C-alpha atoms as a PDB file:
ATOM      1  CA  UNK A   1      -6.801  24.628 -34.956  1.00  0.00           C
ATOM      2  CA  UNK A   2      -5.773  23.062 -31.651  1.00  0.00           C
ATOM      3  CA  UNK A   3      -8.372  21.277 -29.619  1.00  0.00           C
ATOM      4  CA  UNK A   4      -8.588  21.210 -25.864  1.00  0.00           C
ATOM      5  CA  UNK A   5      -9.632  17.858 -24.528  1.00  0.00           C
ATOM      6  CA  UNK A   6     -11.696  17.714 -21.358  1.00  0.00           C
ATOM      7  CA  UNK A   7     -10.766  15.239 -18.669  1.00  0.00           C
ATOM      8  CA  UNK A   8     -13.825  13.869 -16.924  1.00  0.00           C
ATOM      9  CA  UNK A   9     -12.968  13.772 -13.203  1.00  0.00           C
ATOM     10  CA  UNK A  10     -15.711  11.244 -12.452  1.00  0.00           C
ATOM     11  CA  UNK A  11     -14.309   8.718 -14.906  1.00  0.00           C
ATOM     12  CA  UNK A  12     -10.798   9.338 -13.566  1.00  0.00           C
ATOM     13  CA  UNK A  13     -12.103   8.808 -10.023  1.00  0.00           C
ATOM     14  CA  UNK A  14     -13.740   5.549 -11.078  1.00  0.00           C
ATOM     15  CA  UNK A  15     -10.475   4.447 -12.684  1.00  0.00           C
ATOM     16  CA  UNK A  16      -8.531   5.235  -9.536  1.00  0.00           C
ATOM     17  CA  UNK A  17     -11.031   3.293  -7.432  1.00  0.00           C
ATOM     18  CA  UNK A  18     -10.604   0.305  -9.736  1.00  0.00           C
ATOM     19  CA  UNK A  19      -6.861   0.702  -9.280  1.00  0.00           C
ATOM     20  CA  UNK A  20      -7.301   0.667  -5.509  1.00  0.00           C
ATOM     21  CA  UNK A  21      -9.306  -2.550  -5.693  1.00  0.00           C
ATOM     22  CA  UNK A  22      -6.615  -4.164  -7.853  1.00  0.00           C
ATOM     23  CA  UNK A  23      -3.848  -2.925  -5.550  1.00  0.00           C
ATOM     24  CA  UNK A  24      -5.651  -4.406  -2.537  1.00  0.00           C
ATOM     25  CA  UNK A  25      -5.858  -7.766  -4.294  1.00  0.00           C
ATOM     26  CA  UNK A  26      -2.170  -7.551  -5.204  1.00  0.00           C
ATOM     27  CA  UNK A  27      -1.339  -6.684  -1.597  1.00  0.00           C
ATOM     28  CA  UNK A  28      -3.274  -9.707  -0.322  1.00  0.00           C
ATOM     29  CA  UNK A  29      -1.428 -11.967  -2.753  1.00  0.00           C
ATOM     30  CA  UNK A  30       1.933 -10.461  -1.762  1.00  0.00           C
ATOM     31  CA  UNK A  31       1.150 -11.004   1.929  1.00  0.00           C
ATOM     32  CA  UNK A  32       0.367 -14.649   1.208  1.00  0.00           C
ATOM     33  CA  UNK A  33       3.668 -15.020  -0.654  1.00  0.00           C
ATOM     34  CA  UNK A  34       5.484 -13.455   2.295  1.00  0.00           C
ATOM     35  CA  UNK A  35       3.800 -15.833   4.734  1.00  0.00           C
ATOM     36  CA  UNK A  36       4.773 -18.808   2.589  1.00  0.00           C
ATOM     37  CA  UNK A  37       8.345 -17.527   2.385  1.00  0.00           C
ATOM     38  CA  UNK A  38       8.499 -17.243   6.181  1.00  0.00           C
ATOM     39  CA  UNK A  39       7.426 -20.883   6.376  1.00  0.00           C
ATOM     40  CA  UNK A  40      10.264 -21.838   4.046  1.00  0.00           C
ATOM     41  CA  UNK A  41       8.428 -22.000   0.713  1.00  0.00           C
ATOM     42  CA  UNK A  42       9.931 -19.549  -1.745  1.00  0.00           C
ATOM     43  CA  UNK A  43      12.358 -16.673  -1.669  1.00  0.00           C
ATOM     44  CA  UNK A  44      11.757 -14.342   1.301  1.00  0.00           C
ATOM     45  CA  UNK A  45      13.617 -11.423  -0.329  1.00  0.00           C
ATOM     46  CA  UNK A  46      11.539 -11.628  -3.488  1.00  0.00           C
ATOM     47  CA  UNK A  47       8.348 -11.897  -1.443  1.00  0.00           C
ATOM     48  CA  UNK A  48       9.257  -8.799   0.576  1.00  0.00           C
ATOM     49  CA  UNK A  49      10.109  -6.931  -2.600  1.00  0.00           C
ATOM     50  CA  UNK A  50       6.759  -7.838  -4.162  1.00  0.00           C
ATOM     51  CA  UNK A  51       4.989  -6.795  -0.965  1.00  0.00           C
ATOM     52  CA  UNK A  52       6.737  -3.424  -0.881  1.00  0.00           C
ATOM     53  CA  UNK A  53       5.900  -2.773  -4.540  1.00  0.00           C
ATOM     54  CA  UNK A  54       2.247  -3.730  -3.970  1.00  0.00           C
ATOM     55  CA  UNK A  55       1.994  -1.403  -0.976  1.00  0.00           C
ATOM     56  CA  UNK A  56       3.651   1.443  -2.864  1.00  0.00           C
ATOM     57  CA  UNK A  57       1.203   0.942  -5.727  1.00  0.00           C
ATOM     58  CA  UNK A  58      -1.711   0.992  -3.288  1.00  0.00           C
ATOM     59  CA  UNK A  59      -0.416   4.246  -1.811  1.00  0.00           C
ATOM     60  CA  UNK A  60      -0.110   5.779  -5.274  1.00  0.00           C
ATOM     61  CA  UNK A  61      -3.662   4.769  -6.127  1.00  0.00           C
ATOM     62  CA  UNK A  62      -4.964   6.252  -2.866  1.00  0.00           C
ATOM     63  CA  UNK A  63      -3.199   9.534  -3.651  1.00  0.00           C
ATOM     64  CA  UNK A  64      -4.667   9.496  -7.146  1.00  0.00           C
ATOM     65  CA  UNK A  65      -8.155   8.936  -5.724  1.00  0.00           C
ATOM     66  CA  UNK A  66      -7.734  11.805  -3.253  1.00  0.00           C
ATOM     67  CA  UNK A  67      -6.555  14.103  -6.044  1.00  0.00           C
ATOM     68  CA  UNK A  68      -9.636  13.424  -8.167  1.00  0.00           C
ATOM     69  CA  UNK A  69     -11.922  13.795  -5.151  1.00  0.00           C
ATOM     70  CA  UNK A  70     -10.418  17.246  -4.587  1.00  0.00           C
ATOM     71  CA  UNK A  71     -10.851  18.148  -8.269  1.00  0.00           C
ATOM     72  CA  UNK A  72     -14.513  17.135  -8.140  1.00  0.00           C
ATOM     73  CA  UNK A  73     -15.050  19.140  -4.967  1.00  0.00           C
ATOM     74  CA  UNK A  74     -13.449  22.234  -6.510  1.00  0.00           C
ATOM     75  CA  UNK A  75     -15.580  21.895  -9.643  1.00  0.00           C
ATOM     76  CA  UNK A  76     -18.702  21.533  -7.532  1.00  0.00           C
ATOM     77  CA  UNK A  77     -17.814  24.663  -5.547  1.00  0.00           C
ATOM     78  CA  UNK A  78     -17.104  26.663  -8.696  1.00  0.00           C
ATOM     79  CA  UNK A  79     -20.435  25.576 -10.192  1.00  0.00           C
ATOM     80  CA  UNK A  80     -22.239  26.721  -7.036  1.00  0.00           C
ATOM     81  CA  UNK A  81     -20.542  30.118  -7.265  1.00  0.00           C
ATOM     82  CA  UNK A  82     -21.440  30.398 -10.942  1.00  0.00           C
ATOM     83  CA  UNK A  83     -25.108  29.638 -10.234  1.00  0.00           C
ATOM     84  CA  UNK A  84     -25.162  32.214  -7.444  1.00  0.00           C
ATOM     85  CA  UNK A  85     -23.775  34.827  -9.824  1.00  0.00           C
ATOM     86  CA  UNK A  86     -26.346  33.885 -12.453  1.00  0.00           C
ATOM     87  CA  UNK A  87     -29.184  34.177  -9.913  1.00  0.00           C
ATOM     88  CA  UNK A  88     -28.036  37.643  -8.865  1.00  0.00           C
END
């Protein structure tokens, strides 16, 4: 018999928020590498590449967070409608 697993949106939201925090730290590190590369320490192309990847990852995490916020909002609205139907 197949089982249907339930995805907890709150835990997914928490995971995405942790991902955002990590992406912000990665972005800060990448900016520091870029600044050092501008000053002549290190490879400027590699630093820019790392910075672009860090920013893309941060954008992906922000989209993931927004998705789970929308899922939670929809679930909350559907629960309100269900309670209204039960009351009637």
